[in-house]
Amino acid sequence: MDAGARKRIEDYVRPLAVGLDGVTNYGDVQRMVSAAEAVADGRAGLDADLVFLLAVFSGQEKWVSRMGHRSRTETFLASLGVPARTVRVLFRGLERFENAPATPEEEVVHDAVRLESMGAYGVARGLADAYRERLDILEMADAVERGAETALCTEAGRRLAEPRRELMRAFARRLREEHAQFERPPK
């Protein structure tokens, strides 16, 4: 798949991503592709086009699997020369990569998605979500700490995650300390 086809696919997905949850922005699609490329870097035997497609469509599983949207997406990808077999593998992978990745390409995108929820970037996004859900400070600290323990499938993912894990653990610890500093016992 050439750069022009990749750009057209990104342009196809970006407005869908923004419209679905109201939180995703255009840059999130490119970030996911870049994260997947970083996790895949140096790993032999990967289908780079499939990694790209899984990354760019990650987060869009529900939308693209609906009856009319799936066929529209299949037609669009076919018009760009994406083989029908690759499209079938893409749709199967979208159903399972987050919870049960079954191929090396799915493992790469699984880890890319997880990395985006870790580190300072992940903490910022997670705290925004926690605020909307009305979590208190200690619940937020717990969520950040749990996020630091996210399981990854690839060696590259684990390597990229380690500094993010350290930051998250330190943040959760410091958040609890600062919360406790001025906490008064109930009267």
N, C-alpha and C. Protein backbone atom coordinates (compact mmCIF):
# COMPACT_ATOMS: atom_id res chain seq x y z
N MET A 1 0.85 -1.16 0.00
CA MET A 1 0.00 0.00 0.00
C MET A 1 0.91 1.23 0.00
N ASP A 2 0.67 2.15 -0.92
CA ASP A 2 1.53 3.32 -1.02
C ASP A 2 1.06 4.44 -0.08
N ALA A 3 1.88 5.48 0.02
CA ALA A 3 1.60 6.59 0.94
C ALA A 3 0.29 7.28 0.60
N GLY A 4 -0.03 7.38 -0.68
CA GLY A 4 -1.29 8.02 -1.08
C GLY A 4 -2.51 7.24 -0.59
N ALA A 5 -2.45 5.93 -0.70
CA ALA A 5 -3.56 5.10 -0.23
C ALA A 5 -3.68 5.20 1.29
N ARG A 6 -2.55 5.19 1.97
CA ARG A 6 -2.58 5.32 3.44
C ARG A 6 -3.21 6.64 3.85
N LYS A 7 -2.85 7.71 3.16
CA LYS A 7 -3.42 9.02 3.50
C LYS A 7 -4.93 9.02 3.28
N ARG A 8 -5.38 8.44 2.18
CA ARG A 8 -6.82 8.39 1.91
C ARG A 8 -7.55 7.57 2.98
N ILE A 9 -6.93 6.49 3.44
CA ILE A 9 -7.55 5.68 4.49
C ILE A 9 -7.62 6.47 5.79
N GLU A 10 -6.55 7.15 6.15
CA GLU A 10 -6.57 7.99 7.35
C GLU A 10 -7.65 9.07 7.24
N ASP A 11 -7.76 9.68 6.07
CA ASP A 11 -8.77 10.72 5.86
C ASP A 11 -10.19 10.15 5.96
N TYR A 12 -10.35 8.90 5.56
CA TYR A 12 -11.65 8.22 5.66
C TYR A 12 -12.02 7.97 7.13
N VAL A 13 -11.03 7.59 7.94
CA VAL A 13 -11.29 7.19 9.32
C VAL A 13 -11.39 8.39 10.27
N ARG A 14 -10.60 9.41 10.05
CA ARG A 14 -10.56 10.52 11.02
C ARG A 14 -11.91 11.11 11.37
N PRO A 15 -12.74 11.47 10.41
CA PRO A 15 -14.04 12.04 10.81
C PRO A 15 -14.94 11.03 11.53
N LEU A 16 -14.77 9.75 11.24
CA LEU A 16 -15.55 8.73 11.93
C LEU A 16 -15.13 8.69 13.39
N ALA A 17 -13.83 8.74 13.63
CA ALA A 17 -13.30 8.68 14.99
C ALA A 17 -13.81 9.85 15.81
N VAL A 18 -13.82 11.02 15.24
CA VAL A 18 -14.26 12.21 15.96
C VAL A 18 -15.74 12.15 16.24
N GLY A 19 -16.52 11.68 15.28
CA GLY A 19 -17.97 11.67 15.43
C GLY A 19 -18.48 10.65 16.41
N LEU A 20 -17.72 9.59 16.67
CA LEU A 20 -18.23 8.50 17.49
C LEU A 20 -18.29 8.81 18.97
N ASP A 21 -17.23 9.37 19.51
CA ASP A 21 -17.22 9.52 20.96
C ASP A 21 -17.15 10.96 21.44
N GLY A 22 -16.95 11.90 20.54
CA GLY A 22 -16.90 13.30 20.93
C GLY A 22 -15.63 13.68 21.69
N VAL A 23 -14.74 12.73 21.94
CA VAL A 23 -13.51 12.99 22.69
C VAL A 23 -12.29 12.83 21.79
N THR A 24 -12.35 11.84 20.90
CA THR A 24 -11.24 11.59 19.99
C THR A 24 -11.04 12.80 19.09
N ASN A 25 -9.79 13.08 18.75
CA ASN A 25 -9.55 14.16 17.80
C ASN A 25 -8.76 13.62 16.61
N TYR A 26 -8.62 14.45 15.58
CA TYR A 26 -7.96 14.01 14.36
C TYR A 26 -6.56 13.46 14.61
N GLY A 27 -5.82 14.05 15.53
CA GLY A 27 -4.46 13.60 15.81
C GLY A 27 -4.39 12.22 16.40
N ASP A 28 -5.46 11.76 17.02
CA ASP A 28 -5.45 10.44 17.65
C ASP A 28 -5.24 9.31 16.64
N VAL A 29 -5.77 9.45 15.45
CA VAL A 29 -5.60 8.41 14.43
C VAL A 29 -4.13 8.31 14.06
N GLN A 30 -3.48 9.43 13.79
CA GLN A 30 -2.07 9.40 13.43
C GLN A 30 -1.22 8.93 14.60
N ARG A 31 -1.55 9.31 15.82
CA ARG A 31 -0.81 8.85 17.00
C ARG A 31 -0.85 7.33 17.09
N MET A 32 -2.02 6.74 16.83
CA MET A 32 -2.14 5.29 16.92
C MET A 32 -1.28 4.61 15.86
N VAL A 33 -1.27 5.15 14.66
CA VAL A 33 -0.43 4.59 13.60
C VAL A 33 1.05 4.70 14.01
N SER A 34 1.44 5.85 14.53
CA SER A 34 2.83 6.04 14.95
C SER A 34 3.21 5.11 16.11
N ALA A 35 2.30 4.93 17.05
CA ALA A 35 2.55 4.02 18.17
C ALA A 35 2.72 2.60 17.66
N ALA A 36 1.87 2.18 16.74
CA ALA A 36 1.99 0.82 16.18
C ALA A 36 3.31 0.65 15.43
N GLU A 37 3.72 1.67 14.71
CA GLU A 37 5.00 1.60 14.00
C GLU A 37 6.15 1.48 14.99
N ALA A 38 6.08 2.19 16.11
CA ALA A 38 7.14 2.10 17.13
C ALA A 38 7.20 0.71 17.74
N VAL A 39 6.04 0.12 18.02
CA VAL A 39 6.02 -1.23 18.59
C VAL A 39 6.50 -2.26 17.56
N ALA A 40 6.17 -2.06 16.30
CA ALA A 40 6.54 -3.00 15.24
C ALA A 40 7.98 -2.86 14.80
N ASP A 41 8.61 -1.74 15.11
CA ASP A 41 9.95 -1.44 14.62
C ASP A 41 10.92 -2.59 14.87
N GLY A 42 11.47 -3.10 13.79
CA GLY A 42 12.47 -4.15 13.89
C GLY A 42 11.92 -5.56 14.01
N ARG A 43 10.63 -5.71 14.14
CA ARG A 43 10.05 -7.05 14.27
C ARG A 43 9.86 -7.64 12.88
N ALA A 44 10.49 -8.75 12.64
CA ALA A 44 10.46 -9.39 11.32
C ALA A 44 9.15 -10.13 11.09
N GLY A 45 8.78 -10.23 9.83
CA GLY A 45 7.65 -11.06 9.44
C GLY A 45 6.28 -10.42 9.58
N LEU A 46 6.23 -9.15 9.90
CA LEU A 46 4.93 -8.48 10.04
C LEU A 46 4.42 -8.01 8.69
N ASP A 47 3.12 -8.04 8.53
CA ASP A 47 2.47 -7.46 7.37
C ASP A 47 2.24 -5.98 7.71
N ALA A 48 3.09 -5.10 7.19
CA ALA A 48 3.05 -3.67 7.53
C ALA A 48 1.71 -3.04 7.15
N ASP A 49 1.12 -3.48 6.04
CA ASP A 49 -0.17 -2.93 5.63
C ASP A 49 -1.27 -3.32 6.63
N LEU A 50 -1.22 -4.54 7.11
CA LEU A 50 -2.22 -4.98 8.08
C LEU A 50 -2.03 -4.25 9.41
N VAL A 51 -0.79 -4.06 9.84
CA VAL A 51 -0.54 -3.30 11.06
C VAL A 51 -1.13 -1.90 10.90
N PHE A 52 -0.87 -1.26 9.77
CA PHE A 52 -1.41 0.07 9.51
C PHE A 52 -2.94 0.07 9.58
N LEU A 53 -3.57 -0.87 8.88
CA LEU A 53 -5.03 -0.92 8.85
C LEU A 53 -5.62 -1.17 10.24
N LEU A 54 -5.06 -2.10 10.98
CA LEU A 54 -5.54 -2.37 12.34
C LEU A 54 -5.38 -1.13 13.21
N ALA A 55 -4.25 -0.44 13.07
CA ALA A 55 -4.02 0.75 13.89
C ALA A 55 -4.98 1.87 13.53
N VAL A 56 -5.14 2.11 12.26
CA VAL A 56 -5.97 3.24 11.83
C VAL A 56 -7.45 2.98 12.12
N PHE A 57 -7.87 1.73 12.06
CA PHE A 57 -9.28 1.41 12.35
C PHE A 57 -9.51 1.04 13.82
N SER A 58 -8.46 1.00 14.63
CA SER A 58 -8.66 0.69 16.05
C SER A 58 -9.55 1.77 16.66
N GLY A 59 -10.47 1.34 17.48
CA GLY A 59 -11.44 2.26 18.05
C GLY A 59 -12.69 2.42 17.20
N GLN A 60 -12.66 1.88 15.99
CA GLN A 60 -13.80 2.02 15.07
C GLN A 60 -14.53 0.70 14.85
N GLU A 61 -14.22 -0.31 15.70
CA GLU A 61 -14.75 -1.66 15.49
C GLU A 61 -16.28 -1.66 15.37
N LYS A 62 -16.95 -0.99 16.29
CA LYS A 62 -18.42 -1.02 16.27
C LYS A 62 -18.98 -0.35 15.03
N TRP A 63 -18.38 0.76 14.66
CA TRP A 63 -18.89 1.48 13.49
C TRP A 63 -18.68 0.68 12.23
N VAL A 64 -17.47 0.19 11.99
CA VAL A 64 -17.20 -0.49 10.72
C VAL A 64 -17.80 -1.88 10.65
N SER A 65 -18.24 -2.43 11.77
CA SER A 65 -18.82 -3.77 11.72
C SER A 65 -20.32 -3.74 11.46
N ARG A 66 -20.93 -2.57 11.56
CA ARG A 66 -22.36 -2.49 11.22
C ARG A 66 -22.56 -2.82 9.76
N MET A 67 -23.71 -3.40 9.46
CA MET A 67 -23.99 -3.93 8.12
C MET A 67 -23.62 -2.96 7.00
N GLY A 68 -24.23 -1.83 6.91
CA GLY A 68 -23.97 -0.91 5.81
C GLY A 68 -22.58 -0.32 5.84
N HIS A 69 -22.09 -0.04 7.02
CA HIS A 69 -20.77 0.58 7.13
C HIS A 69 -19.66 -0.40 6.78
N ARG A 70 -19.86 -1.66 7.12
CA ARG A 70 -18.84 -2.66 6.79
C ARG A 70 -18.68 -2.77 5.28
N SER A 71 -19.79 -2.90 4.57
CA SER A 71 -19.70 -3.04 3.12
C SER A 71 -19.16 -1.76 2.48
N ARG A 72 -19.51 -0.62 3.04
CA ARG A 72 -18.97 0.66 2.54
C ARG A 72 -17.46 0.68 2.72
N THR A 73 -17.00 0.25 3.89
CA THR A 73 -15.56 0.22 4.17
C THR A 73 -14.85 -0.79 3.28
N GLU A 74 -15.44 -1.97 3.09
CA GLU A 74 -14.86 -2.98 2.20
C GLU A 74 -14.73 -2.43 0.78
N THR A 75 -15.77 -1.76 0.29
CA THR A 75 -15.74 -1.19 -1.05
C THR A 75 -14.67 -0.12 -1.16
N PHE A 76 -14.60 0.73 -0.14
CA PHE A 76 -13.59 1.80 -0.13
C PHE A 76 -12.18 1.21 -0.18
N LEU A 77 -11.91 0.24 0.67
CA LEU A 77 -10.58 -0.36 0.71
C LEU A 77 -10.26 -1.08 -0.60
N ALA A 78 -11.24 -1.76 -1.17
CA ALA A 78 -11.03 -2.44 -2.45
C ALA A 78 -10.70 -1.43 -3.55
N SER A 79 -11.33 -0.26 -3.50
CA SER A 79 -11.07 0.77 -4.51
C SER A 79 -9.62 1.27 -4.44
N LEU A 80 -8.99 1.07 -3.30
CA LEU A 80 -7.59 1.48 -3.13
C LEU A 80 -6.62 0.33 -3.40
N GLY A 81 -7.17 -0.83 -3.78
CA GLY A 81 -6.32 -1.97 -4.10
C GLY A 81 -5.98 -2.86 -2.92
N VAL A 82 -6.66 -2.68 -1.79
CA VAL A 82 -6.41 -3.55 -0.65
C VAL A 82 -7.05 -4.90 -0.97
N PRO A 83 -6.26 -5.98 -0.93
CA PRO A 83 -6.81 -7.31 -1.27
C PRO A 83 -7.96 -7.71 -0.35
N ALA A 84 -8.92 -8.44 -0.90
CA ALA A 84 -10.09 -8.89 -0.13
C ALA A 84 -9.66 -9.72 1.08
N ARG A 85 -8.62 -10.53 0.93
CA ARG A 85 -8.14 -11.35 2.05
C ARG A 85 -7.66 -10.45 3.19
N THR A 86 -6.94 -9.39 2.87
CA THR A 86 -6.46 -8.46 3.90
C THR A 86 -7.63 -7.79 4.61
N VAL A 87 -8.66 -7.46 3.87
CA VAL A 87 -9.84 -6.83 4.47
C VAL A 87 -10.53 -7.82 5.42
N ARG A 88 -10.64 -9.08 5.02
CA ARG A 88 -11.24 -10.09 5.91
C ARG A 88 -10.42 -10.24 7.19
N VAL A 89 -9.09 -10.30 7.04
CA VAL A 89 -8.22 -10.43 8.21
C VAL A 89 -8.33 -9.18 9.09
N LEU A 90 -8.46 -8.03 8.49
CA LEU A 90 -8.65 -6.78 9.24
C LEU A 90 -9.90 -6.86 10.11
N PHE A 91 -11.02 -7.23 9.54
CA PHE A 91 -12.27 -7.28 10.31
C PHE A 91 -12.22 -8.33 11.42
N ARG A 92 -11.60 -9.48 11.15
CA ARG A 92 -11.44 -10.46 12.22
C ARG A 92 -10.55 -9.90 13.33
N GLY A 93 -9.48 -9.25 12.94
CA GLY A 93 -8.55 -8.68 13.92
C GLY A 93 -9.16 -7.57 14.75
N LEU A 94 -10.01 -6.76 14.15
CA LEU A 94 -10.66 -5.68 14.89
C LEU A 94 -11.55 -6.22 16.00
N GLU A 95 -12.09 -7.40 15.80
CA GLU A 95 -12.97 -8.00 16.81
C GLU A 95 -12.20 -8.52 18.02
N ARG A 96 -10.90 -8.80 17.86
CA ARG A 96 -10.21 -9.49 18.94
C ARG A 96 -8.91 -8.86 19.43
N PHE A 97 -8.34 -7.90 18.72
CA PHE A 97 -6.99 -7.46 19.07
C PHE A 97 -6.89 -6.87 20.47
N GLU A 98 -7.94 -6.24 20.97
CA GLU A 98 -7.85 -5.61 22.29
C GLU A 98 -7.81 -6.64 23.42
N ASN A 99 -8.59 -7.70 23.30
CA ASN A 99 -8.71 -8.66 24.41
C ASN A 99 -8.03 -10.00 24.16
N ALA A 100 -7.92 -10.40 22.91
CA ALA A 100 -7.34 -11.72 22.62
C ALA A 100 -6.60 -11.68 21.28
N PRO A 101 -5.51 -10.91 21.19
CA PRO A 101 -4.80 -10.84 19.91
C PRO A 101 -4.30 -12.21 19.49
N ALA A 102 -4.53 -12.55 18.21
CA ALA A 102 -4.21 -13.89 17.73
C ALA A 102 -3.10 -13.91 16.68
N THR A 103 -2.66 -12.75 16.23
CA THR A 103 -1.59 -12.68 15.24
C THR A 103 -0.54 -11.69 15.72
N PRO A 104 0.66 -11.75 15.16
CA PRO A 104 1.68 -10.77 15.55
C PRO A 104 1.23 -9.32 15.27
N GLU A 105 0.52 -9.11 14.18
CA GLU A 105 0.04 -7.77 13.85
C GLU A 105 -0.96 -7.28 14.90
N GLU A 106 -1.84 -8.17 15.34
CA GLU A 106 -2.81 -7.81 16.38
C GLU A 106 -2.10 -7.52 17.70
N GLU A 107 -1.04 -8.27 18.01
CA GLU A 107 -0.28 -8.01 19.23
C GLU A 107 0.35 -6.61 19.19
N VAL A 108 0.87 -6.24 18.04
CA VAL A 108 1.48 -4.92 17.89
C VAL A 108 0.46 -3.82 18.15
N VAL A 109 -0.71 -3.93 17.54
CA VAL A 109 -1.73 -2.88 17.71
C VAL A 109 -2.32 -2.92 19.12
N HIS A 110 -2.46 -4.11 19.68
CA HIS A 110 -2.89 -4.23 21.08
C HIS A 110 -1.98 -3.39 21.96
N ASP A 111 -0.66 -3.57 21.80
CA ASP A 111 0.30 -2.84 22.63
C ASP A 111 0.28 -1.34 22.32
N ALA A 112 0.10 -0.97 21.07
CA ALA A 112 0.03 0.45 20.71
C ALA A 112 -1.14 1.12 21.40
N VAL A 113 -2.29 0.46 21.40
CA VAL A 113 -3.48 1.01 22.09
C VAL A 113 -3.20 1.14 23.58
N ARG A 114 -2.59 0.13 24.16
CA ARG A 114 -2.28 0.16 25.60
C ARG A 114 -1.29 1.27 25.93
N LEU A 115 -0.28 1.45 25.10
CA LEU A 115 0.71 2.50 25.34
C LEU A 115 0.09 3.89 25.34
N GLU A 116 -0.93 4.09 24.52
CA GLU A 116 -1.60 5.38 24.47
C GLU A 116 -2.37 5.69 25.76
N SER A 117 -2.63 4.65 26.55
CA SER A 117 -3.33 4.87 27.82
C SER A 117 -2.36 4.91 29.00
N MET A 118 -1.08 4.95 28.70
CA MET A 118 -0.07 4.94 29.76
C MET A 118 0.77 6.21 29.72
N GLY A 119 1.55 6.43 30.77
CA GLY A 119 2.43 7.58 30.85
C GLY A 119 1.67 8.87 31.09
N ALA A 120 2.35 9.99 30.90
CA ALA A 120 1.73 11.29 31.13
C ALA A 120 0.53 11.50 30.21
N TYR A 121 0.67 11.08 28.96
CA TYR A 121 -0.43 11.22 28.01
C TYR A 121 -1.65 10.42 28.48
N GLY A 122 -1.41 9.19 28.88
CA GLY A 122 -2.49 8.34 29.35
C GLY A 122 -3.11 8.85 30.64
N VAL A 123 -2.27 9.35 31.56
CA VAL A 123 -2.80 9.91 32.81
C VAL A 123 -3.70 11.10 32.51
N ALA A 124 -3.26 11.99 31.63
CA ALA A 124 -4.07 13.16 31.29
C ALA A 124 -5.43 12.74 30.71
N ARG A 125 -5.41 11.80 29.77
CA ARG A 125 -6.66 11.33 29.17
C ARG A 125 -7.52 10.62 30.21
N GLY A 126 -6.88 9.79 31.04
CA GLY A 126 -7.61 9.04 32.06
C GLY A 126 -8.24 9.95 33.11
N LEU A 127 -7.54 11.00 33.50
CA LEU A 127 -8.10 11.92 34.50
C LEU A 127 -9.29 12.69 33.93
N ALA A 128 -9.21 13.03 32.66
CA ALA A 128 -10.36 13.69 32.03
C ALA A 128 -11.58 12.76 32.05
N ASP A 129 -11.36 11.49 31.74
CA ASP A 129 -12.45 10.51 31.79
C ASP A 129 -12.95 10.34 33.22
N ALA A 130 -12.03 10.25 34.18
CA ALA A 130 -12.40 10.07 35.58
C ALA A 130 -13.21 11.25 36.10
N TYR A 131 -12.86 12.44 35.68
CA TYR A 131 -13.61 13.63 36.09
C TYR A 131 -15.04 13.56 35.56
N ARG A 132 -15.19 13.17 34.31
CA ARG A 132 -16.54 13.02 33.73
C ARG A 132 -17.35 11.97 34.48
N GLU A 133 -16.67 10.94 34.97
CA GLU A 133 -17.35 9.86 35.71
C GLU A 133 -17.52 10.19 37.18
N ARG A 134 -17.07 11.37 37.59
CA ARG A 134 -17.20 11.85 38.97
C ARG A 134 -16.45 10.99 39.99
N LEU A 135 -15.28 10.48 39.60
CA LEU A 135 -14.46 9.74 40.55
C LEU A 135 -13.81 10.73 41.52
N ASP A 136 -13.61 10.30 42.76
CA ASP A 136 -12.90 11.17 43.70
C ASP A 136 -11.39 10.98 43.50
N ILE A 137 -10.60 11.78 44.19
CA ILE A 137 -9.16 11.79 44.00
C ILE A 137 -8.53 10.42 44.28
N LEU A 138 -8.93 9.77 45.35
CA LEU A 138 -8.34 8.47 45.67
C LEU A 138 -8.73 7.41 44.64
N GLU A 139 -9.94 7.49 44.12
CA GLU A 139 -10.34 6.57 43.06
C GLU A 139 -9.50 6.81 41.80
N MET A 140 -9.21 8.09 41.53
CA MET A 140 -8.36 8.41 40.38
C MET A 140 -6.96 7.85 40.58
N ALA A 141 -6.42 7.99 41.77
CA ALA A 141 -5.09 7.45 42.06
C ALA A 141 -5.07 5.94 41.86
N ASP A 142 -6.12 5.27 42.32
CA ASP A 142 -6.21 3.81 42.14
C ASP A 142 -6.26 3.45 40.66
N ALA A 143 -7.04 4.21 39.88
CA ALA A 143 -7.16 3.93 38.45
C ALA A 143 -5.82 4.13 37.74
N VAL A 144 -5.10 5.16 38.11
CA VAL A 144 -3.79 5.41 37.50
C VAL A 144 -2.84 4.26 37.84
N GLU A 145 -2.85 3.85 39.09
CA GLU A 145 -1.97 2.76 39.52
C GLU A 145 -2.33 1.45 38.81
N ARG A 146 -3.61 1.15 38.69
CA ARG A 146 -4.02 -0.06 37.95
C ARG A 146 -3.58 0.02 36.49
N GLY A 147 -3.69 1.21 35.91
CA GLY A 147 -3.28 1.39 34.52
C GLY A 147 -1.80 1.12 34.29
N ALA A 148 -1.00 1.36 35.33
CA ALA A 148 0.44 1.10 35.23
C ALA A 148 0.74 -0.39 35.10
N GLU A 149 -0.20 -1.23 35.49
CA GLU A 149 0.00 -2.68 35.45
C GLU A 149 -0.55 -3.32 34.18
N THR A 150 -0.91 -2.52 33.22
CA THR A 150 -1.46 -3.02 31.97
C THR A 150 -0.53 -4.06 31.33
N ALA A 151 -1.10 -5.19 30.96
CA ALA A 151 -0.32 -6.26 30.33
C ALA A 151 -0.10 -5.95 28.85
N LEU A 152 1.12 -6.22 28.39
CA LEU A 152 1.47 -6.01 26.99
C LEU A 152 1.95 -7.33 26.39
N CYS A 153 1.85 -7.44 25.08
CA CYS A 153 2.15 -8.69 24.38
C CYS A 153 3.55 -8.76 23.82
N THR A 154 4.14 -7.62 23.49
CA THR A 154 5.41 -7.63 22.77
C THR A 154 6.55 -7.10 23.64
N GLU A 155 7.75 -7.53 23.30
CA GLU A 155 8.93 -7.03 24.01
C GLU A 155 9.08 -5.53 23.79
N ALA A 156 8.87 -5.08 22.56
CA ALA A 156 8.98 -3.65 22.27
C ALA A 156 7.95 -2.86 23.07
N GLY A 157 6.74 -3.37 23.16
CA GLY A 157 5.70 -2.70 23.94
C GLY A 157 6.09 -2.59 25.41
N ARG A 158 6.61 -3.68 25.95
CA ARG A 158 7.03 -3.67 27.37
C ARG A 158 8.18 -2.69 27.59
N ARG A 159 9.10 -2.63 26.65
CA ARG A 159 10.22 -1.69 26.77
C ARG A 159 9.72 -0.24 26.71
N LEU A 160 8.84 0.05 25.78
CA LEU A 160 8.31 1.41 25.66
C LEU A 160 7.44 1.78 26.87
N ALA A 161 6.83 0.78 27.49
CA ALA A 161 5.92 1.03 28.61
C ALA A 161 6.63 1.31 29.93
N GLU A 162 7.84 0.80 30.10
CA GLU A 162 8.47 0.88 31.42
C GLU A 162 8.58 2.30 31.98
N PRO A 163 9.08 3.28 31.23
CA PRO A 163 9.12 4.63 31.81
C PRO A 163 7.72 5.19 32.07
N ARG A 164 6.76 4.77 31.27
CA ARG A 164 5.38 5.21 31.48
C ARG A 164 4.83 4.61 32.78
N ARG A 165 5.14 3.35 33.02
CA ARG A 165 4.71 2.69 34.25
C ARG A 165 5.29 3.41 35.47
N GLU A 166 6.58 3.73 35.42
CA GLU A 166 7.23 4.42 36.54
C GLU A 166 6.57 5.76 36.82
N LEU A 167 6.31 6.51 35.76
CA LEU A 167 5.64 7.80 35.92
C LEU A 167 4.26 7.64 36.56
N MET A 168 3.51 6.66 36.11
CA MET A 168 2.15 6.46 36.62
C MET A 168 2.17 6.07 38.09
N ARG A 169 3.08 5.18 38.46
CA ARG A 169 3.18 4.77 39.86
C ARG A 169 3.57 5.96 40.73
N ALA A 170 4.54 6.73 40.28
CA ALA A 170 4.97 7.91 41.05
C ALA A 170 3.84 8.93 41.15
N PHE A 171 3.11 9.12 40.07
CA PHE A 171 1.99 10.07 40.09
C PHE A 171 0.92 9.62 41.09
N ALA A 172 0.55 8.35 41.04
CA ALA A 172 -0.48 7.84 41.95
C ALA A 172 -0.03 7.98 43.40
N ARG A 173 1.21 7.66 43.67
CA ARG A 173 1.76 7.77 45.02
C ARG A 173 1.72 9.23 45.50
N ARG A 174 2.19 10.12 44.64
CA ARG A 174 2.22 11.55 45.00
C ARG A 174 0.80 12.10 45.17
N LEU A 175 -0.11 11.68 44.35
CA LEU A 175 -1.50 12.14 44.45
C LEU A 175 -2.09 11.72 45.80
N ARG A 176 -1.84 10.50 46.21
CA ARG A 176 -2.32 10.04 47.53
C ARG A 176 -1.66 10.83 48.66
N GLU A 177 -0.36 11.08 48.54
CA GLU A 177 0.35 11.84 49.58
C GLU A 177 -0.22 13.25 49.72
N GLU A 178 -0.42 13.91 48.60
CA GLU A 178 -0.94 15.27 48.66
C GLU A 178 -2.38 15.30 49.14
N HIS A 179 -3.14 14.29 48.77
CA HIS A 179 -4.52 14.21 49.25
C HIS A 179 -4.53 14.05 50.76
N ALA A 180 -3.68 13.19 51.28
CA ALA A 180 -3.63 12.92 52.72
C ALA A 180 -3.09 14.10 53.52
N GLN A 181 -2.28 14.93 52.90
CA GLN A 181 -1.63 16.03 53.61
C GLN A 181 -2.62 16.96 54.29
N PHE A 182 -3.70 17.25 53.67
CA PHE A 182 -4.66 18.19 54.24
C PHE A 182 -6.00 17.54 54.57
N GLU A 183 -6.02 16.23 54.56
CA GLU A 183 -7.25 15.51 54.88
C GLU A 183 -7.51 15.58 56.38
N ARG A 184 -8.70 15.92 56.74
CA ARG A 184 -9.08 15.99 58.16
C ARG A 184 -10.02 14.84 58.47
N PRO A 185 -9.84 14.26 59.64
CA PRO A 185 -10.77 13.20 60.01
C PRO A 185 -12.17 13.78 60.21
N PRO A 186 -13.19 13.00 59.93
CA PRO A 186 -14.57 13.49 60.13
C PRO A 186 -14.81 13.79 61.61
N LYS A 187 -15.59 14.84 61.87
CA LYS A 187 -15.90 15.24 63.27
C LYS A 187 -17.09 14.49 63.79
